[in-house]
Amino acid sequence: MLVDTHTHFYDEWLLPDAEAAIQRAVDAGVGKMIQADVDSHEREAMWEIGLRHPGVLFQMAGVYPGSITADNWQYELDQVHGIAAGDARSRPGMTDIVAIGEIGLDYHEGREFEKEQKEALRIQLELAAARDLPVNIHLRDAWEDLLAIFKDCKHLNLRGNLHCFSGSYEVYQEANRYGDWSVGIGGVVTFKNSKLAGTVARIPMHHILLETDAPYLAPVPHRGERNESSFLPFIAQKVAEVKGLTLEECERITTENAQRLFNI
């Protein structure tokens, strides 16, 4: 069994076909999938899909940095705190969340809300520590600031994963000075000109997780198409190749890593 540690069945690109996509993933050997949260606007759809597939779909809760504005960030954080506390009004009918995520920093579209993103990240890291939950980190164009926050939060003894990892081996090492951080490896590792495979070769297997980030970043041979969790075996095969493992060994180790980190 494979575990997709980051997917979005509620995304508008996947939602019309979500039920069939989930079945295709199960048929492909992907037995568990974790849905990353974005914000209050899409969360209800995430809950509804998760309720239909207990033991197969698992949910995170968090505020995606690209969703944060000066006007909404405190409201969004209040919602996440309610979910983490088990407030039925915030999380109707759902079982416990498995992580705080996806949270982080994203300056790709600009730094207008940099201050709010940093504050929201710190608060959610503290929430994860208080609830003894792992963290799922989204990061674009902000490694220096993220590592500075990790350093400031070292006392929280954080654990989690760096979703859609694209950094260097040195960045991976630096992050692990301040917590216990795995890396989420997705379709980019299969791209012909990607440097990620060389980085993955250096990262210990006990810190490698597999993910699709569906419906985005589909792996070769589906690059350019809508991504889905059923494509995870292509990513697993590439990681196995890079690490000199059989596909079965890669599957066993990455699944154990995911089950250990997210307690699923």
Protein backbone atom coordinates (compact mmCIF):
# COMPACT_ATOMS: atom_id res chain seq x y z
CA MET A 1 0.00 0.00 0.00
CA LEU A 2 1.12 3.52 -0.85
CA VAL A 3 0.16 6.68 1.03
CA ASP A 4 -0.45 9.99 -0.74
CA THR A 5 0.48 12.51 1.94
CA HIS A 6 -0.85 15.58 0.14
CA THR A 7 -3.85 15.80 -2.18
CA HIS A 8 -6.91 17.99 -2.78
CA PHE A 9 -9.99 16.05 -3.92
CA TYR A 10 -12.14 19.08 -3.13
CA ASP A 11 -10.30 21.30 -5.62
CA GLU A 12 -12.63 22.54 -8.35
CA TRP A 13 -10.48 20.75 -10.96
CA LEU A 14 -10.91 17.36 -9.21
CA LEU A 15 -14.23 17.75 -7.41
CA PRO A 16 -16.53 16.75 -10.31
CA ASP A 17 -14.62 13.47 -10.64
CA ALA A 18 -13.56 12.99 -7.03
CA GLU A 19 -15.35 9.71 -6.33
CA ALA A 20 -14.00 8.04 -9.46
CA ALA A 21 -10.51 9.46 -8.79
CA ILE A 22 -10.52 8.03 -5.28
CA GLN A 23 -11.47 4.61 -6.61
CA ARG A 24 -8.77 4.77 -9.27
CA ALA A 25 -6.23 5.54 -6.56
CA VAL A 26 -7.33 2.61 -4.42
CA ASP A 27 -7.21 0.35 -7.47
CA ALA A 28 -3.63 1.58 -8.11
CA GLY A 29 -2.56 0.55 -4.62
CA VAL A 30 -2.87 3.93 -2.89
CA GLY A 31 -4.68 2.86 0.25
CA LYS A 32 -4.57 6.09 2.22
CA MET A 33 -4.68 9.73 1.13
CA ILE A 34 -4.39 12.91 3.18
CA GLN A 35 -6.26 16.03 2.12
CA ALA A 36 -4.45 19.29 2.85
CA ASP A 37 -6.65 22.13 4.06
CA VAL A 38 -6.64 25.56 2.40
CA ASP A 39 -9.20 27.85 4.05
CA SER A 40 -12.81 28.17 5.18
CA HIS A 41 -14.13 28.59 1.63
CA GLU A 42 -13.18 25.06 0.53
CA ARG A 43 -13.16 23.22 3.84
CA GLU A 44 -16.79 22.09 3.80
CA ALA A 45 -16.25 20.23 0.53
CA MET A 46 -13.15 18.60 2.04
CA TRP A 47 -15.14 17.43 5.08
CA GLU A 48 -17.94 16.03 2.91
CA ILE A 49 -15.60 13.96 0.76
CA GLY A 50 -13.68 12.75 3.80
CA LEU A 51 -16.87 11.60 5.52
CA ARG A 52 -17.65 9.34 2.59
CA HIS A 53 -14.29 7.57 2.78
CA PRO A 54 -13.33 6.92 6.43
CA GLY A 55 -10.06 5.07 6.83
CA VAL A 56 -9.05 6.00 3.29
CA LEU A 57 -9.16 9.80 3.32
CA PHE A 58 -7.69 11.78 6.21
CA GLN A 59 -7.83 15.54 6.73
CA MET A 60 -5.54 18.33 7.86
CA ALA A 61 -6.63 21.74 9.12
CA GLY A 62 -4.79 24.98 8.43
CA VAL A 63 -4.72 28.26 6.56
CA TYR A 64 -2.81 28.25 3.27
CA PRO A 65 -0.50 31.29 3.10
CA GLY A 66 -1.86 32.34 -0.28
CA SER A 67 -5.31 32.67 1.30
CA ILE A 68 -4.17 35.16 3.94
CA THR A 69 -5.05 38.84 3.73
CA ALA A 70 -4.95 41.66 6.26
CA ASP A 71 -8.74 41.44 6.63
CA ASN A 72 -9.32 37.70 7.00
CA TRP A 73 -6.34 36.05 8.66
CA GLN A 74 -7.55 36.28 12.25
CA TYR A 75 -10.98 34.91 11.35
CA GLU A 76 -9.37 32.03 9.44
CA LEU A 77 -7.10 31.21 12.38
CA ASP A 78 -10.06 31.18 14.74
CA GLN A 79 -11.68 28.55 12.54
CA VAL A 80 -8.57 26.37 12.60
CA HIS A 81 -8.29 26.64 16.38
CA GLY A 82 -11.92 25.54 16.67
CA ILE A 83 -11.27 22.53 14.47
CA ALA A 84 -8.16 21.53 16.40
CA ALA A 85 -10.09 21.81 19.64
CA GLY A 86 -12.78 19.46 18.33
CA ASP A 87 -15.51 22.11 18.08
CA ALA A 88 -18.38 20.35 16.29
CA ARG A 89 -19.52 23.64 14.76
CA SER A 90 -16.17 23.95 12.99
CA ARG A 91 -15.78 20.28 12.15
CA PRO A 92 -19.25 18.72 11.80
CA GLY A 93 -19.17 14.94 11.80
CA MET A 94 -15.45 14.66 11.19
CA THR A 95 -12.93 12.46 12.94
CA ASP A 96 -9.74 13.95 14.33
CA ILE A 97 -7.43 15.83 11.98
CA VAL A 98 -4.00 14.31 11.39
CA ALA A 99 -1.92 17.50 10.92
CA ILE A 100 -1.92 21.27 10.88
CA GLY A 101 -1.54 22.17 7.22
CA GLU A 102 -1.01 23.24 4.68
CA ILE A 103 0.55 26.30 6.27
CA GLY A 104 3.68 28.28 5.55
CA LEU A 105 4.93 31.23 3.52
CA ASP A 106 4.36 32.12 -0.13
CA TYR A 107 5.88 35.26 -1.65
CA HIS A 108 5.54 34.08 -5.25
CA GLU A 109 2.74 36.54 -6.01
CA GLY A 110 4.25 39.33 -3.89
CA ARG A 111 4.92 40.26 -0.27
CA GLU A 112 1.90 42.46 0.44
CA PHE A 113 0.78 40.23 3.32
CA GLU A 114 4.20 39.06 4.45
CA LYS A 115 3.65 40.26 8.03
CA GLU A 116 0.31 38.49 8.31
CA GLN A 117 1.68 35.28 6.76
CA LYS A 118 4.55 35.17 9.26
CA GLU A 119 2.26 35.77 12.22
CA ALA A 120 -0.26 33.18 11.03
CA LEU A 121 2.54 30.65 10.56
CA ARG A 122 3.92 31.19 14.05
CA ILE A 123 0.49 30.86 15.63
CA GLN A 124 -0.26 27.65 13.75
CA LEU A 125 3.12 26.17 14.65
CA GLU A 126 2.32 26.87 18.29
CA LEU A 127 -1.09 25.25 17.83
CA ALA A 128 0.50 22.13 16.35
CA ALA A 129 2.88 21.87 19.28
CA ALA A 130 0.07 22.38 21.82
CA ARG A 131 -2.03 19.67 20.15
CA ASP A 132 0.93 17.35 19.53
CA LEU A 133 0.24 17.30 15.81
CA PRO A 134 2.64 17.25 12.86
CA VAL A 135 2.85 20.20 10.48
CA ASN A 136 2.56 20.31 6.70
CA ILE A 137 4.57 23.22 5.28
CA HIS A 138 3.92 25.02 2.00
CA LEU A 139 6.81 27.23 0.87
CA ARG A 140 7.47 29.36 -2.21
CA ASP A 141 10.21 31.96 -2.56
CA ALA A 142 10.66 32.34 1.20
CA TRP A 143 13.21 29.81 2.46
CA GLU A 144 15.23 32.37 4.44
CA ASP A 145 12.20 33.60 6.37
CA LEU A 146 10.90 30.08 6.95
CA LEU A 147 14.19 28.87 8.39
CA ALA A 148 14.37 31.95 10.62
CA ILE A 149 10.93 31.13 12.03
CA PHE A 150 11.90 27.48 12.50
CA LYS A 151 14.94 28.65 14.45
CA ASP A 152 12.82 30.89 16.67
CA CYS A 153 10.41 27.98 17.24
CA LYS A 154 13.03 25.34 17.97
CA HIS A 155 11.77 25.08 21.55
CA LEU A 156 8.44 23.75 20.24
CA ASN A 157 10.09 20.47 19.11
CA LEU A 158 8.14 20.54 15.88
CA ARG A 159 7.78 17.62 13.50
CA GLY A 160 6.25 17.48 10.07
CA ASN A 161 6.98 17.57 6.38
CA LEU A 162 8.11 20.10 3.82
CA HIS A 163 5.42 19.64 1.18
CA CYS A 164 6.38 19.65 -2.51
CA PHE A 165 10.02 19.92 -1.51
CA SER A 166 12.20 21.74 -4.03
CA GLY A 167 15.04 22.96 -1.84
CA SER A 168 18.63 21.81 -1.66
CA TYR A 169 20.08 19.15 0.57
CA GLU A 170 21.61 21.96 2.62
CA VAL A 171 18.15 23.48 3.18
CA TYR A 172 16.89 20.08 4.34
CA GLN A 173 19.80 19.86 6.77
CA GLU A 174 19.21 23.38 8.08
CA ALA A 175 15.52 22.73 8.67
CA ASN A 176 16.40 19.63 10.68
CA ARG A 177 18.54 21.67 13.03
CA TYR A 178 15.27 23.11 14.36
CA GLY A 179 12.87 20.17 14.28
CA ASP A 180 12.19 16.77 12.77
CA TRP A 181 11.34 17.49 9.14
CA SER A 182 10.59 15.02 6.37
CA VAL A 183 10.25 16.02 2.73
CA GLY A 184 7.23 15.45 0.51
CA ILE A 185 8.36 14.25 -2.91
CA GLY A 186 5.95 14.64 -5.80
CA GLY A 187 5.79 14.64 -9.57
CA VAL A 188 8.65 17.11 -10.04
CA VAL A 189 11.14 14.35 -9.22
CA THR A 190 10.17 12.65 -12.50
CA PHE A 191 10.78 15.72 -14.69
CA LYS A 192 13.69 15.38 -17.09
CA ASN A 193 15.53 18.58 -16.15
CA SER A 194 14.67 18.61 -12.45
CA LYS A 195 17.54 18.68 -9.95
CA LEU A 196 15.30 17.19 -7.28
CA ALA A 197 16.35 13.60 -7.99
CA GLY A 198 19.94 14.45 -7.06
CA THR A 199 18.75 15.96 -3.78
CA VAL A 200 16.51 12.98 -3.01
CA ALA A 201 19.53 10.70 -3.49
CA ARG A 202 21.16 12.40 -0.48
CA ILE A 203 18.18 12.57 1.87
CA PRO A 204 17.77 9.58 4.21
CA MET A 205 14.85 7.30 3.38
CA HIS A 206 13.36 7.70 6.86
CA HIS A 207 12.63 11.34 5.98
CA ILE A 208 11.03 10.77 2.56
CA LEU A 209 7.27 10.88 1.99
CA LEU A 210 5.38 10.49 -1.28
CA GLU A 211 2.71 12.91 -2.45
CA THR A 212 0.89 14.03 -5.59
CA ASP A 213 -0.42 17.51 -4.68
CA ALA A 214 -3.27 16.54 -6.99
CA PRO A 215 -4.65 18.03 -9.14
CA TYR A 216 -1.34 19.83 -9.77
CA LEU A 217 2.16 18.78 -10.93
CA ALA A 218 1.36 15.45 -12.52
CA PRO A 219 4.38 13.15 -12.91
CA VAL A 220 5.82 11.83 -16.14
CA PRO A 221 4.23 10.20 -18.19
CA HIS A 222 1.20 12.37 -17.33
CA ARG A 223 3.01 15.70 -17.12
CA GLY A 224 0.72 18.53 -18.20
CA GLU A 225 -2.43 16.59 -17.37
CA ARG A 226 -4.65 16.90 -14.34
CA ASN A 227 -2.90 15.08 -11.53
CA GLU A 228 -4.55 12.55 -9.24
CA SER A 229 -3.57 10.17 -6.47
CA SER A 230 -3.62 7.16 -8.79
CA PHE A 231 -0.42 8.52 -10.36
CA LEU A 232 1.52 8.10 -7.10
CA PRO A 233 3.15 4.80 -8.24
CA PHE A 234 5.06 6.72 -10.94
CA ILE A 235 6.58 8.90 -8.23
CA ALA A 236 7.34 5.88 -6.06
CA GLN A 237 9.08 4.16 -8.97
CA LYS A 238 11.33 7.18 -9.59
CA VAL A 239 12.24 7.50 -5.92
CA ALA A 240 13.03 3.78 -5.79
CA GLU A 241 15.25 4.16 -8.84
CA VAL A 242 17.10 7.15 -7.36
CA LYS A 243 17.62 5.39 -4.01
CA GLY A 244 18.62 2.03 -5.50
CA LEU A 245 15.63 0.25 -4.00
CA THR A 246 12.98 -2.05 -5.35
CA LEU A 247 9.53 -0.54 -5.74
CA GLU A 248 8.32 -2.78 -2.92
CA GLU A 249 11.03 -1.52 -0.57
CA CYS A 250 10.25 2.11 -1.41
CA GLU A 251 6.56 1.50 -0.87
CA ARG A 252 7.11 -0.17 2.50
CA ILE A 253 9.48 2.49 3.85
CA THR A 254 7.54 5.55 2.69
CA THR A 255 4.28 4.08 3.94
CA GLU A 256 5.83 3.39 7.34
CA ASN A 257 7.14 6.97 7.37
CA ALA A 258 3.70 8.39 6.62
CA GLN A 259 1.92 6.19 9.14
CA ARG A 260 4.42 7.11 11.83
CA LEU A 261 4.32 10.87 11.20
CA PHE A 262 0.56 11.26 10.75
CA ASN A 263 -0.56 8.42 13.04
CA ILE A 264 -2.81 6.88 10.39
